[in-house]
PDB file of N, CA and C in Angstrom:
ATOM      1  N   MET A   1       8.650  13.200  -3.960  1.00  0.00           N
ATOM      2  CA  MET A   1       7.877  12.499  -3.007  1.00  0.00           C
ATOM      3  C   MET A   1       6.440  13.346  -3.624  1.00  0.00           C
ATOM      4  N   VAL A   2       5.197  12.483  -3.734  1.00  0.00           N
ATOM      5  CA  VAL A   2       3.978  13.140  -4.025  1.00  0.00           C
ATOM      6  C   VAL A   2       3.149  12.454  -3.355  1.00  0.00           C
ATOM      7  N   THR A   3       2.216  13.016  -2.811  1.00  0.00           N
ATOM      8  CA  THR A   3       1.022  12.368  -1.831  1.00  0.00           C
ATOM      9  C   THR A   3      -0.182  12.682  -2.615  1.00  0.00           C
ATOM     10  N   ALA A   4      -0.800  11.753  -2.934  1.00  0.00           N
ATOM     11  CA  ALA A   4      -2.354  11.797  -3.608  1.00  0.00           C
ATOM     12  C   ALA A   4      -3.508  10.936  -2.871  1.00  0.00           C
ATOM     13  N   ASP A   5      -4.694  11.422  -3.042  1.00  0.00           N
ATOM     14  CA  ASP A   5      -5.663  10.616  -2.613  1.00  0.00           C
ATOM     15  C   ASP A   5      -6.149   9.710  -3.607  1.00  0.00           C
ATOM     16  N   LEU A   6      -5.801   8.327  -3.563  1.00  0.00           N
ATOM     17  CA  LEU A   6      -5.891   7.449  -4.586  1.00  0.00           C
ATOM     18  C   LEU A   6      -7.432   7.008  -4.539  1.00  0.00           C
ATOM     19  N   ASP A   7      -8.323   7.396  -3.545  1.00  0.00           N
ATOM     20  CA  ASP A   7      -9.820   7.247  -3.887  1.00  0.00           C
ATOM     21  C   ASP A   7     -10.381   8.251  -4.490  1.00  0.00           C
ATOM     22  N   SER A   8      -9.701   9.258  -4.911  1.00  0.00           N
ATOM     23  CA  SER A   8     -10.416  10.352  -5.800  1.00  0.00           C
ATOM     24  C   SER A   8     -10.368   9.843  -7.133  1.00  0.00           C
ATOM     25  N   SER A   9     -11.165  10.426  -7.793  1.00  0.00           N
ATOM     26  CA  SER A   9     -11.240  10.366  -9.414  1.00  0.00           C
ATOM     27  C   SER A   9      -9.909  10.714 -10.218  1.00  0.00           C
ATOM     28  N   ASN A  10      -9.363  11.898  -9.758  1.00  0.00           N
ATOM     29  CA  ASN A  10      -8.515  12.653 -10.383  1.00  0.00           C
ATOM     30  C   ASN A  10      -6.986  12.306 -10.165  1.00  0.00           C
ATOM     31  N   TRP A  11      -6.776  11.578  -9.112  1.00  0.00           N
ATOM     32  CA  TRP A  11      -5.442  11.313  -8.867  1.00  0.00           C
ATOM     33  C   TRP A  11      -4.343  11.026  -9.730  1.00  0.00           C
ATOM     34  N   SER A  12      -4.685  10.365 -10.745  1.00  0.00           N
ATOM     35  CA  SER A  12      -3.791   9.988 -11.895  1.00  0.00           C
ATOM     36  C   SER A  12      -3.575  11.323 -12.771  1.00  0.00           C
ATOM     37  N   SER A  13      -4.535  12.129 -12.972  1.00  0.00           N
ATOM     38  CA  SER A  13      -4.213  13.424 -13.624  1.00  0.00           C
ATOM     39  C   SER A  13      -3.353  14.333 -12.945  1.00  0.00           C
ATOM     40  N   GLU A  14      -3.440  14.138 -11.666  1.00  0.00           N
ATOM     41  CA  GLU A  14      -2.492  14.960 -10.828  1.00  0.00           C
ATOM     42  C   GLU A  14      -0.855  14.704 -11.069  1.00  0.00           C
ATOM     43  N   LEU A  15      -0.874  13.617 -11.056  1.00  0.00           N
ATOM     44  CA  LEU A  15       0.605  13.222 -11.256  1.00  0.00           C
ATOM     45  C   LEU A  15       0.901  12.960 -12.878  1.00  0.00           C
ATOM     46  N   ALA A  16       0.225  13.316 -13.827  1.00  0.00           N
ATOM     47  CA  ALA A  16       0.445  13.319 -15.283  1.00  0.00           C
ATOM     48  C   ALA A  16       1.686  14.272 -15.459  1.00  0.00           C
ATOM     49  N   ALA A  17       1.545  15.284 -14.579  1.00  0.00           N
ATOM     50  CA  ALA A  17       2.815  16.304 -15.025  1.00  0.00           C
ATOM     51  C   ALA A  17       4.395  16.020 -14.513  1.00  0.00           C
ATOM     52  N   HIS A  18       4.201  14.592 -13.802  1.00  0.00           N
ATOM     53  CA  HIS A  18       5.561  14.106 -13.485  1.00  0.00           C
ATOM     54  C   HIS A  18       6.020  12.945 -14.327  1.00  0.00           C
ATOM     55  N   PRO A  19       7.322  13.305 -14.512  1.00  0.00           N
ATOM     56  CA  PRO A  19       8.017  11.933 -15.524  1.00  0.00           C
ATOM     57  C   PRO A  19       7.710  10.663 -14.611  1.00  0.00           C
ATOM     58  N   GLY A  20       8.073   9.731 -15.245  1.00  0.00           N
ATOM     59  CA  GLY A  20       7.867   8.161 -15.126  1.00  0.00           C
ATOM     60  C   GLY A  20       8.467   7.980 -13.843  1.00  0.00           C
ATOM     61  N   PHE A  21       7.880   7.291 -12.663  1.00  0.00           N
ATOM     62  CA  PHE A  21       8.525   7.133 -11.545  1.00  0.00           C
ATOM     63  C   PHE A  21       9.441   5.858 -11.570  1.00  0.00           C
ATOM     64  N   ASP A  22      10.533   5.716 -10.656  1.00  0.00           N
ATOM     65  CA  ASP A  22      11.472   4.535 -10.728  1.00  0.00           C
ATOM     66  C   ASP A  22      10.816   3.596  -9.748  1.00  0.00           C
ATOM     67  N   VAL A  23      10.378   4.266  -8.572  1.00  0.00           N
ATOM     68  CA  VAL A  23       9.673   3.283  -7.646  1.00  0.00           C
ATOM     69  C   VAL A  23       8.267   4.128  -6.902  1.00  0.00           C
ATOM     70  N   VAL A  24       7.442   3.340  -6.658  1.00  0.00           N
ATOM     71  CA  VAL A  24       6.165   3.786  -6.206  1.00  0.00           C
ATOM     72  C   VAL A  24       5.968   3.087  -4.894  1.00  0.00           C
ATOM     73  N   LEU A  25       5.741   3.750  -3.579  1.00  0.00           N
ATOM     74  CA  LEU A  25       5.776   3.047  -2.305  1.00  0.00           C
ATOM     75  C   LEU A  25       4.281   3.113  -1.921  1.00  0.00           C
ATOM     76  N   LEU A  26       3.726   2.002  -1.654  1.00  0.00           N
ATOM     77  CA  LEU A  26       2.452   1.941  -1.206  1.00  0.00           C
ATOM     78  C   LEU A  26       2.436   1.089  -0.024  1.00  0.00           C
ATOM     79  N   GLY A  27       2.785   1.574   1.407  1.00  0.00           N
ATOM     80  CA  GLY A  27       2.738   1.100   2.399  1.00  0.00           C
ATOM     81  C   GLY A  27       1.528   1.415   3.480  1.00  0.00           C
ATOM     82  N   ASP A  28       0.847   0.046   3.332  1.00  0.00           N
ATOM     83  CA  ASP A  28      -0.287  -0.134   4.158  1.00  0.00           C
ATOM     84  C   ASP A  28      -1.404   0.881   3.603  1.00  0.00           C
ATOM     85  N   VAL A  29      -1.515   0.940   2.174  1.00  0.00           N
ATOM     86  CA  VAL A  29      -2.450   1.693   1.565  1.00  0.00           C
ATOM     87  C   VAL A  29      -3.589   0.705   0.941  1.00  0.00           C
ATOM     88  N   LEU A  30      -3.407   0.049   0.216  1.00  0.00           N
ATOM     89  CA  LEU A  30      -4.174  -0.931  -0.674  1.00  0.00           C
ATOM     90  C   LEU A  30      -5.287  -1.305   0.049  1.00  0.00           C
ATOM     91  N   GLU A  31      -5.144  -1.923   1.227  1.00  0.00           N
ATOM     92  CA  GLU A  31      -6.145  -2.471   1.892  1.00  0.00           C
ATOM     93  C   GLU A  31      -7.319  -1.207   2.591  1.00  0.00           C
ATOM     94  N   HIS A  32      -6.931  -0.076   2.331  1.00  0.00           N
ATOM     95  CA  HIS A  32      -7.745   1.005   2.754  1.00  0.00           C
ATOM     96  C   HIS A  32      -8.760   1.699   1.591  1.00  0.00           C
ATOM     97  N   LEU A  33      -8.357   1.069   0.348  1.00  0.00           N
ATOM     98  CA  LEU A  33      -8.974   1.822  -0.787  1.00  0.00           C
ATOM     99  C   LEU A  33     -10.099   0.982  -1.036  1.00  0.00           C
ATOM    100  N   VAL A  34     -11.089   1.655  -1.828  1.00  0.00           N
ATOM    101  CA  VAL A  34     -12.484   1.114  -2.329  1.00  0.00           C
ATOM    102  C   VAL A  34     -12.282   0.189  -3.128  1.00  0.00           C
ATOM    103  N   HIS A  35     -11.321   0.793  -4.320  1.00  0.00           N
ATOM    104  CA  HIS A  35     -11.069  -0.322  -5.745  1.00  0.00           C
ATOM    105  C   HIS A  35      -9.386  -0.309  -5.639  1.00  0.00           C
ATOM    106  N   PRO A  36      -8.855  -1.162  -5.104  1.00  0.00           N
ATOM    107  CA  PRO A  36      -7.121  -1.326  -5.015  1.00  0.00           C
ATOM    108  C   PRO A  36      -6.828  -1.630  -6.644  1.00  0.00           C
ATOM    109  N   GLU A  37      -7.653  -2.749  -6.999  1.00  0.00           N
ATOM    110  CA  GLU A  37      -7.307  -2.974  -8.170  1.00  0.00           C
ATOM    111  C   GLU A  37      -7.001  -1.976  -9.549  1.00  0.00           C
ATOM    112  N   GLN A  38      -7.974  -1.334  -9.493  1.00  0.00           N
ATOM    113  CA  GLN A  38      -8.012   0.061 -10.485  1.00  0.00           C
ATOM    114  C   GLN A  38      -6.769   0.996 -10.047  1.00  0.00           C
ATOM    115  N   VAL A  39      -6.208   1.009  -8.740  1.00  0.00           N
ATOM    116  CA  VAL A  39      -5.199   1.963  -8.667  1.00  0.00           C
ATOM    117  C   VAL A  39      -4.072   1.655  -9.276  1.00  0.00           C
ATOM    118  N   LEU A  40      -3.929   0.134  -9.058  1.00  0.00           N
ATOM    119  CA  LEU A  40      -2.744  -0.505  -9.566  1.00  0.00           C
ATOM    120  C   LEU A  40      -2.668  -0.495 -10.985  1.00  0.00           C
ATOM    121  N   ARG A  41      -3.847  -0.840 -11.764  1.00  0.00           N
ATOM    122  CA  ARG A  41      -3.914  -0.550 -13.248  1.00  0.00           C
ATOM    123  C   ARG A  41      -3.409   0.814 -13.704  1.00  0.00           C
ATOM    124  N   ARG A  42      -4.211   1.551 -12.987  1.00  0.00           N
ATOM    125  CA  ARG A  42      -3.715   3.224 -13.348  1.00  0.00           C
ATOM    126  C   ARG A  42      -2.320   3.553 -12.843  1.00  0.00           C
ATOM    127  N   LEU A  43      -1.866   3.006 -12.235  1.00  0.00           N
ATOM    128  CA  LEU A  43      -0.487   3.361 -11.722  1.00  0.00           C
ATOM    129  C   LEU A  43       0.680   2.782 -12.674  1.00  0.00           C
ATOM    130  N   ARG A  44       0.534   1.620 -13.204  1.00  0.00           N
ATOM    131  CA  ARG A  44       1.175   0.805 -13.913  1.00  0.00           C
ATOM    132  C   ARG A  44       1.777   1.883 -15.255  1.00  0.00           C
ATOM    133  N   PRO A  45       1.251   2.773 -16.017  1.00  0.00           N
ATOM    134  CA  PRO A  45       1.919   3.287 -16.950  1.00  0.00           C
ATOM    135  C   PRO A  45       2.699   4.434 -16.186  1.00  0.00           C
ATOM    136  N   MET A  46       2.476   4.856 -15.130  1.00  0.00           N
ATOM    137  CA  MET A  46       3.280   5.995 -14.548  1.00  0.00           C
ATOM    138  C   MET A  46       4.682   5.586 -14.086  1.00  0.00           C
ATOM    139  N   LEU A  47       4.781   4.328 -14.274  1.00  0.00           N
ATOM    140  CA  LEU A  47       6.487   3.798 -13.872  1.00  0.00           C
ATOM    141  C   LEU A  47       7.096   3.750 -15.047  1.00  0.00           C
ATOM    142  N   LYS A  48       8.470   3.833 -15.027  1.00  0.00           N
ATOM    143  CA  LYS A  48       9.383   3.898 -15.831  1.00  0.00           C
ATOM    144  C   LYS A  48       9.528   2.442 -16.182  1.00  0.00           C
ATOM    145  N   GLN A  49      10.049   2.124 -17.655  1.00  0.00           N
ATOM    146  CA  GLN A  49      10.058   0.796 -17.898  1.00  0.00           C
ATOM    147  C   GLN A  49      10.352  -0.229 -17.047  1.00  0.00           C
ATOM    148  N   ASP A  50      11.463   0.163 -16.306  1.00  0.00           N
ATOM    149  CA  ASP A  50      12.219  -0.683 -15.224  1.00  0.00           C
ATOM    150  C   ASP A  50      11.779  -0.277 -13.670  1.00  0.00           C
ATOM    151  N   GLY A  51      10.839   0.449 -14.043  1.00  0.00           N
ATOM    152  CA  GLY A  51      10.002   0.785 -12.393  1.00  0.00           C
ATOM    153  C   GLY A  51       9.450  -0.285 -11.735  1.00  0.00           C
ATOM    154  N   TYR A  52       9.060   0.154 -10.524  1.00  0.00           N
ATOM    155  CA  TYR A  52       8.448  -1.047  -9.596  1.00  0.00           C
ATOM    156  C   TYR A  52       7.773  -0.341  -8.546  1.00  0.00           C
ATOM    157  N   ALA A  53       6.668  -1.230  -8.034  1.00  0.00           N
ATOM    158  CA  ALA A  53       5.982  -0.645  -6.992  1.00  0.00           C
ATOM    159  C   ALA A  53       6.475  -1.525  -5.849  1.00  0.00           C
ATOM    160  N   VAL A  54       6.711  -1.044  -4.602  1.00  0.00           N
ATOM    161  CA  VAL A  54       6.742  -1.534  -3.482  1.00  0.00           C
ATOM    162  C   VAL A  54       5.527  -1.400  -2.630  1.00  0.00           C
ATOM    163  N   ILE A  55       4.866  -2.893  -2.463  1.00  0.00           N
ATOM    164  CA  ILE A  55       3.671  -2.951  -1.687  1.00  0.00           C
ATOM    165  C   ILE A  55       3.785  -3.571  -0.398  1.00  0.00           C
ATOM    166  N   SER A  56       3.167  -2.971   0.679  1.00  0.00           N
ATOM    167  CA  SER A  56       3.379  -3.404   2.122  1.00  0.00           C
ATOM    168  C   SER A  56       1.755  -3.549   2.494  1.00  0.00           C
ATOM    169  N   LEU A  57       1.229  -4.749   3.016  1.00  0.00           N
ATOM    170  CA  LEU A  57       0.267  -5.197   3.484  1.00  0.00           C
ATOM    171  C   LEU A  57       0.257  -5.637   4.706  1.00  0.00           C
ATOM    172  N   PRO A  58      -0.797  -5.548   5.658  1.00  0.00           N
ATOM    173  CA  PRO A  58      -0.634  -6.094   7.037  1.00  0.00           C
ATOM    174  C   PRO A  58      -1.160  -7.428   6.861  1.00  0.00           C
ATOM    175  N   ASN A  59      -0.504  -8.573   7.535  1.00  0.00           N
ATOM    176  CA  ASN A  59      -0.671 -10.095   7.679  1.00  0.00           C
ATOM    177  C   ASN A  59      -1.724 -10.241   8.598  1.00  0.00           C
ATOM    178  N   VAL A  60      -2.942 -10.337   8.430  1.00  0.00           N
ATOM    179  CA  VAL A  60      -3.957 -10.403   9.264  1.00  0.00           C
ATOM    180  C   VAL A  60      -4.210 -12.185   9.176  1.00  0.00           C
ATOM    181  N   VAL A  61      -3.620 -12.661   8.700  1.00  0.00           N
ATOM    182  CA  VAL A  61      -3.807 -14.356   8.700  1.00  0.00           C
ATOM    183  C   VAL A  61      -3.120 -15.063   9.844  1.00  0.00           C
ATOM    184  N   HIS A  62      -2.136 -14.489  10.340  1.00  0.00           N
ATOM    185  CA  HIS A  62      -1.357 -14.995  11.380  1.00  0.00           C
ATOM    186  C   HIS A  62      -2.193 -15.232  12.616  1.00  0.00           C
ATOM    187  N   TRP A  63      -2.113 -16.361  13.042  1.00  0.00           N
ATOM    188  CA  TRP A  63      -2.764 -16.739  14.313  1.00  0.00           C
ATOM    189  C   TRP A  63      -2.917 -15.869  15.424  1.00  0.00           C
ATOM    190  N   LEU A  64      -1.789 -15.035  15.680  1.00  0.00           N
ATOM    191  CA  LEU A  64      -1.714 -14.128  16.933  1.00  0.00           C
ATOM    192  C   LEU A  64      -2.585 -12.932  16.504  1.00  0.00           C
ATOM    193  N   THR A  65      -2.415 -12.479  15.241  1.00  0.00           N
ATOM    194  CA  THR A  65      -3.250 -11.218  14.731  1.00  0.00           C
ATOM    195  C   THR A  65      -4.776 -11.479  14.852  1.00  0.00           C
ATOM    196  N   ARG A  66      -5.053 -12.901  14.562  1.00  0.00           N
ATOM    197  CA  ARG A  66      -6.477 -13.170  14.315  1.00  0.00           C
ATOM    198  C   ARG A  66      -7.191 -13.112  15.895  1.00  0.00           C
ATOM    199  N   LEU A  67      -6.391 -13.799  16.718  1.00  0.00           N
ATOM    200  CA  LEU A  67      -6.501 -13.610  18.125  1.00  0.00           C
ATOM    201  C   LEU A  67      -6.890 -12.399  18.611  1.00  0.00           C
ATOM    202  N   LYS A  68      -6.256 -11.138  18.553  1.00  0.00           N
ATOM    203  CA  LYS A  68      -6.305 -10.216  18.589  1.00  0.00           C
ATOM    204  C   LYS A  68      -7.422  -9.495  18.186  1.00  0.00           C
ATOM    205  N   LEU A  69      -7.845  -9.712  16.897  1.00  0.00           N
ATOM    206  CA  LEU A  69      -8.893  -9.278  15.993  1.00  0.00           C
ATOM    207  C   LEU A  69     -10.208  -9.836  16.824  1.00  0.00           C
ATOM    208  N   LEU A  70     -10.116 -11.039  17.124  1.00  0.00           N
ATOM    209  CA  LEU A  70     -11.332 -11.550  17.725  1.00  0.00           C
ATOM    210  C   LEU A  70     -11.688 -10.769  19.203  1.00  0.00           C
ATOM    211  N   SER A  71     -10.576 -10.350  20.024  1.00  0.00           N
ATOM    212  CA  SER A  71     -11.152  -9.670  21.141  1.00  0.00           C
ATOM    213  C   SER A  71     -11.154  -8.185  20.845  1.00  0.00           C
ATOM    214  N   GLY A  72     -11.463  -7.836  19.467  1.00  0.00           N
ATOM    215  CA  GLY A  72     -11.400  -6.255  19.204  1.00  0.00           C
ATOM    216  C   GLY A  72     -10.277  -5.486  19.159  1.00  0.00           C
ATOM    217  N   ARG A  73      -9.127  -6.205  19.090  1.00  0.00           N
ATOM    218  CA  ARG A  73      -7.949  -4.907  19.002  1.00  0.00           C
ATOM    219  C   ARG A  73      -7.235  -5.738  17.572  1.00  0.00           C
ATOM    220  N   PHE A  74      -6.636  -4.419  17.309  1.00  0.00           N
ATOM    221  CA  PHE A  74      -5.699  -4.433  16.135  1.00  0.00           C
ATOM    222  C   PHE A  74      -4.895  -3.111  16.546  1.00  0.00           C
ATOM    223  N   ASP A  75      -3.535  -3.741  16.874  1.00  0.00           N
ATOM    224  CA  ASP A  75      -2.544  -2.735  17.181  1.00  0.00           C
ATOM    225  C   ASP A  75      -1.519  -2.773  16.261  1.00  0.00           C
ATOM    226  N   TYR A  76      -1.156  -1.517  15.732  1.00  0.00           N
ATOM    227  CA  TYR A  76      -0.182  -1.411  14.886  1.00  0.00           C
ATOM    228  C   TYR A  76       1.264  -1.539  15.608  1.00  0.00           C
ATOM    229  N   GLU A  77       2.146  -2.275  14.931  1.00  0.00           N
ATOM    230  CA  GLU A  77       3.436  -2.533  15.561  1.00  0.00           C
ATOM    231  C   GLU A  77       4.596  -2.466  14.412  1.00  0.00           C
ATOM    232  N   SER A  78       5.761  -1.891  14.979  1.00  0.00           N
ATOM    233  CA  SER A  78       6.772  -1.881  14.093  1.00  0.00           C
ATOM    234  C   SER A  78       7.192  -2.940  13.550  1.00  0.00           C
ATOM    235  N   THR A  79       7.080  -4.142  14.189  1.00  0.00           N
ATOM    236  CA  THR A  79       7.556  -5.686  13.679  1.00  0.00           C
ATOM    237  C   THR A  79       6.619  -6.486  14.349  1.00  0.00           C
ATOM    238  N   ALA A  80       6.345  -7.515  13.596  1.00  0.00           N
ATOM    239  CA  ALA A  80       5.351  -8.400  14.282  1.00  0.00           C
ATOM    240  C   ALA A  80       6.128  -8.896  15.560  1.00  0.00           C
ATOM    241  N   PRO A  81       5.224  -9.428  16.693  1.00  0.00           N
ATOM    242  CA  PRO A  81       5.914  -9.714  17.904  1.00  0.00           C
ATOM    243  C   PRO A  81       6.471 -11.107  17.775  1.00  0.00           C
ATOM    244  N   TRP A  82       6.014 -11.976  16.917  1.00  0.00           N
ATOM    245  CA  TRP A  82       6.556 -13.306  16.547  1.00  0.00           C
ATOM    246  C   TRP A  82       7.769 -13.452  15.793  1.00  0.00           C
ATOM    247  N   MET A  83       8.123 -12.005  15.160  1.00  0.00           N
ATOM    248  CA  MET A  83       9.467 -12.185  14.495  1.00  0.00           C
ATOM    249  C   MET A  83      10.304 -11.704  15.047  1.00  0.00           C
ATOM    250  N   PRO A  84      11.538 -12.509  15.354  1.00  0.00           N
ATOM    251  CA  PRO A  84      12.651 -12.028  15.965  1.00  0.00           C
ATOM    252  C   PRO A  84      13.541 -10.748  15.022  1.00  0.00           C
ATOM    253  N   LEU A  85      14.051  -9.597  15.685  1.00  0.00           N
ATOM    254  CA  LEU A  85      14.526  -8.719  15.284  1.00  0.00           C
ATOM    255  C   LEU A  85      16.052  -9.157  14.873  1.00  0.00           C
ATOM    256  N   THR A  86      16.552  -8.945  13.734  1.00  0.00           N
ATOM    257  CA  THR A  86      18.017  -9.257  13.329  1.00  0.00           C
ATOM    258  C   THR A  86      18.855  -8.139  13.478  1.00  0.00           C
TER     259      THR A  86
END
């Protein structure tokens, strides 16, 4: 596991010493970055040929989330309250 500041200009050089990655996990990260598209472009060459990125983004377009945002609330939850657990 590698932890890096993706908003810094040298994060990709910090990872250059590592061999190609099988998987890169970006869990609720991209929406906080200044230039997420640049991070994804710089990340691609660091993946193995059959490697992939797992990206998780919050769903702020759901009506219940928008209603909470209108009232000034944004609560992180382990699962969406409108989605049943199976």
